[in-house]
Amino acid sequence: MSEVQRIQQQNAGKPAHHSKLTILMSAALNIANENYELKQNYQQAVDNISKRSERLLHLLEEIEP
């Protein structure tokens, strides 16, 4: 479902004084927020993988004869 449709459904039954511009701005802000959250989650995953990789490498170096 597109973000615009989601915003329109959220406002269904409410007075129709919301302009198309208001709906589009709300949708754009929601999309921007989702993008920000995805980037945050991605960065956390990268950091987690990096830390685990460093730890694994350290453990492997300790095992070497």
N, C-alpha and C. Protein backbone atom coordinates (compact mmCIF):
# COMPACT_ATOMS: atom_id res chain seq x y z
N MET A 1 0.86 -1.17 0.00
CA MET A 1 0.00 0.00 0.00
C MET A 1 0.90 1.23 0.00
N SER A 2 0.55 2.18 -0.80
CA SER A 2 1.36 3.39 -0.85
C SER A 2 1.15 4.21 0.41
N GLU A 3 2.13 5.01 0.72
CA GLU A 3 2.06 5.83 1.93
C GLU A 3 0.91 6.83 1.84
N VAL A 4 0.65 7.35 0.65
CA VAL A 4 -0.45 8.31 0.47
C VAL A 4 -1.78 7.63 0.79
N GLN A 5 -1.98 6.41 0.30
CA GLN A 5 -3.22 5.69 0.58
C GLN A 5 -3.36 5.41 2.07
N ARG A 6 -2.24 5.08 2.71
CA ARG A 6 -2.27 4.81 4.15
C ARG A 6 -2.70 6.06 4.91
N ILE A 7 -2.17 7.21 4.56
CA ILE A 7 -2.54 8.46 5.21
C ILE A 7 -4.02 8.77 4.97
N GLN A 8 -4.48 8.55 3.73
CA GLN A 8 -5.88 8.81 3.42
C GLN A 8 -6.78 7.90 4.23
N GLN A 9 -6.41 6.64 4.40
CA GLN A 9 -7.23 5.72 5.20
C GLN A 9 -7.23 6.12 6.67
N GLN A 10 -6.10 6.61 7.16
CA GLN A 10 -6.04 7.05 8.55
C GLN A 10 -6.99 8.23 8.78
N ASN A 11 -7.16 9.03 7.76
CA ASN A 11 -8.02 10.21 7.89
C ASN A 11 -9.44 9.96 7.42
N ALA A 12 -9.76 8.73 7.06
CA ALA A 12 -11.12 8.41 6.61
C ALA A 12 -12.11 8.67 7.74
N GLY A 13 -13.21 9.27 7.40
CA GLY A 13 -14.24 9.57 8.38
C GLY A 13 -14.02 10.88 9.11
N LYS A 14 -12.87 11.46 8.93
CA LYS A 14 -12.60 12.76 9.54
C LYS A 14 -13.02 13.84 8.55
N PRO A 15 -13.20 15.04 9.01
CA PRO A 15 -13.57 16.11 8.08
C PRO A 15 -12.58 16.21 6.92
N ALA A 16 -13.09 16.46 5.75
CA ALA A 16 -12.27 16.45 4.54
C ALA A 16 -11.57 17.78 4.31
N HIS A 17 -11.13 18.42 5.36
CA HIS A 17 -10.45 19.70 5.20
C HIS A 17 -8.95 19.53 4.94
N HIS A 18 -8.48 18.28 4.98
CA HIS A 18 -7.07 18.04 4.69
C HIS A 18 -6.83 18.22 3.20
N SER A 19 -5.94 19.08 2.87
CA SER A 19 -5.64 19.30 1.46
C SER A 19 -4.74 18.19 0.95
N LYS A 20 -4.66 18.09 -0.36
CA LYS A 20 -3.78 17.09 -0.97
C LYS A 20 -2.34 17.36 -0.56
N LEU A 21 -1.97 18.62 -0.45
CA LEU A 21 -0.61 18.96 -0.04
C LEU A 21 -0.32 18.45 1.37
N THR A 22 -1.29 18.59 2.27
CA THR A 22 -1.12 18.09 3.64
C THR A 22 -0.94 16.58 3.64
N ILE A 23 -1.73 15.88 2.85
CA ILE A 23 -1.62 14.42 2.76
C ILE A 23 -0.26 14.03 2.20
N LEU A 24 0.17 14.71 1.15
CA LEU A 24 1.47 14.40 0.54
C LEU A 24 2.61 14.71 1.49
N MET A 25 2.51 15.79 2.23
CA MET A 25 3.56 16.13 3.20
C MET A 25 3.63 15.09 4.32
N SER A 26 2.48 14.67 4.80
CA SER A 26 2.44 13.63 5.84
C SER A 26 3.06 12.34 5.32
N ALA A 27 2.71 11.98 4.10
CA ALA A 27 3.27 10.76 3.50
C ALA A 27 4.78 10.89 3.34
N ALA A 28 5.24 12.03 2.87
CA ALA A 28 6.68 12.24 2.68
C ALA A 28 7.43 12.17 4.00
N LEU A 29 6.86 12.76 5.05
CA LEU A 29 7.50 12.70 6.36
C LEU A 29 7.54 11.27 6.90
N ASN A 30 6.47 10.52 6.69
CA ASN A 30 6.46 9.12 7.12
C ASN A 30 7.50 8.31 6.37
N ILE A 31 7.61 8.53 5.07
CA ILE A 31 8.61 7.81 4.27
C ILE A 31 10.02 8.17 4.74
N ALA A 32 10.26 9.45 4.98
CA ALA A 32 11.57 9.88 5.47
C ALA A 32 11.89 9.25 6.82
N ASN A 33 10.89 9.18 7.70
CA ASN A 33 11.10 8.56 9.01
C ASN A 33 11.40 7.07 8.87
N GLU A 34 10.68 6.38 8.01
CA GLU A 34 10.95 4.96 7.79
C GLU A 34 12.35 4.75 7.24
N ASN A 35 12.76 5.61 6.32
CA ASN A 35 14.09 5.52 5.75
C ASN A 35 15.15 5.72 6.83
N TYR A 36 14.94 6.70 7.69
CA TYR A 36 15.87 6.95 8.79
C TYR A 36 15.97 5.73 9.72
N GLU A 37 14.82 5.17 10.06
CA GLU A 37 14.82 3.99 10.94
C GLU A 37 15.51 2.80 10.29
N LEU A 38 15.28 2.61 9.00
CA LEU A 38 15.96 1.52 8.29
C LEU A 38 17.47 1.72 8.29
N LYS A 39 17.91 2.95 8.08
CA LYS A 39 19.35 3.23 8.11
C LYS A 39 19.93 2.98 9.49
N GLN A 40 19.19 3.36 10.53
CA GLN A 40 19.64 3.12 11.90
C GLN A 40 19.77 1.61 12.16
N ASN A 41 18.75 0.85 11.76
CA ASN A 41 18.78 -0.60 11.95
C ASN A 41 19.91 -1.23 11.17
N TYR A 42 20.13 -0.76 9.95
CA TYR A 42 21.22 -1.28 9.12
C TYR A 42 22.56 -1.00 9.79
N GLN A 43 22.74 0.22 10.29
CA GLN A 43 24.00 0.57 10.93
C GLN A 43 24.23 -0.26 12.18
N GLN A 44 23.18 -0.52 12.95
CA GLN A 44 23.31 -1.37 14.13
C GLN A 44 23.72 -2.78 13.74
N ALA A 45 23.14 -3.30 12.66
CA ALA A 45 23.50 -4.63 12.20
C ALA A 45 24.95 -4.68 11.75
N VAL A 46 25.39 -3.66 11.01
CA VAL A 46 26.78 -3.60 10.56
C VAL A 46 27.73 -3.53 11.76
N ASP A 47 27.40 -2.71 12.74
CA ASP A 47 28.22 -2.60 13.95
C ASP A 47 28.29 -3.93 14.68
N ASN A 48 27.16 -4.60 14.80
CA ASN A 48 27.10 -5.90 15.48
C ASN A 48 27.97 -6.92 14.75
N ILE A 49 27.84 -6.99 13.43
CA ILE A 49 28.64 -7.93 12.64
C ILE A 49 30.12 -7.60 12.76
N SER A 50 30.45 -6.32 12.74
CA SER A 50 31.84 -5.91 12.86
C SER A 50 32.43 -6.33 14.21
N LYS A 51 31.70 -6.10 15.28
CA LYS A 51 32.18 -6.48 16.61
C LYS A 51 32.35 -7.99 16.72
N ARG A 52 31.39 -8.73 16.19
CA ARG A 52 31.48 -10.20 16.25
C ARG A 52 32.65 -10.71 15.40
N SER A 53 32.86 -10.08 14.26
CA SER A 53 33.97 -10.49 13.39
C SER A 53 35.31 -10.23 14.07
N GLU A 54 35.43 -9.07 14.71
CA GLU A 54 36.67 -8.76 15.43
C GLU A 54 36.91 -9.76 16.55
N ARG A 55 35.86 -10.08 17.27
CA ARG A 55 36.00 -11.06 18.37
C ARG A 55 36.39 -12.42 17.84
N LEU A 56 35.76 -12.85 16.76
CA LEU A 56 36.08 -14.15 16.16
C LEU A 56 37.52 -14.16 15.67
N LEU A 57 37.95 -13.11 15.03
CA LEU A 57 39.32 -13.02 14.55
C LEU A 57 40.30 -13.09 15.72
N HIS A 58 39.98 -12.38 16.79
CA HIS A 58 40.83 -12.42 17.99
C HIS A 58 40.91 -13.84 18.56
N LEU A 59 39.79 -14.53 18.63
CA LEU A 59 39.78 -15.90 19.14
C LEU A 59 40.56 -16.84 18.23
N LEU A 60 40.44 -16.64 16.94
CA LEU A 60 41.21 -17.47 16.00
C LEU A 60 42.70 -17.22 16.11
N GLU A 61 43.08 -15.97 16.33
CA GLU A 61 44.50 -15.65 16.50
C GLU A 61 45.06 -16.27 17.76
N GLU A 62 44.26 -16.41 18.79
CA GLU A 62 44.71 -17.04 20.05
C GLU A 62 44.93 -18.53 19.85
N ILE A 63 44.19 -19.15 18.93
CA ILE A 63 44.29 -20.59 18.71
C ILE A 63 45.53 -20.95 17.89
N GLU A 64 45.98 -20.05 17.04
CA GLU A 64 47.12 -20.34 16.17
C GLU A 64 48.33 -20.77 16.99
N PRO A 65 49.01 -21.84 16.52
CA PRO A 65 50.21 -22.31 17.25
C PRO A 65 51.41 -21.41 17.02
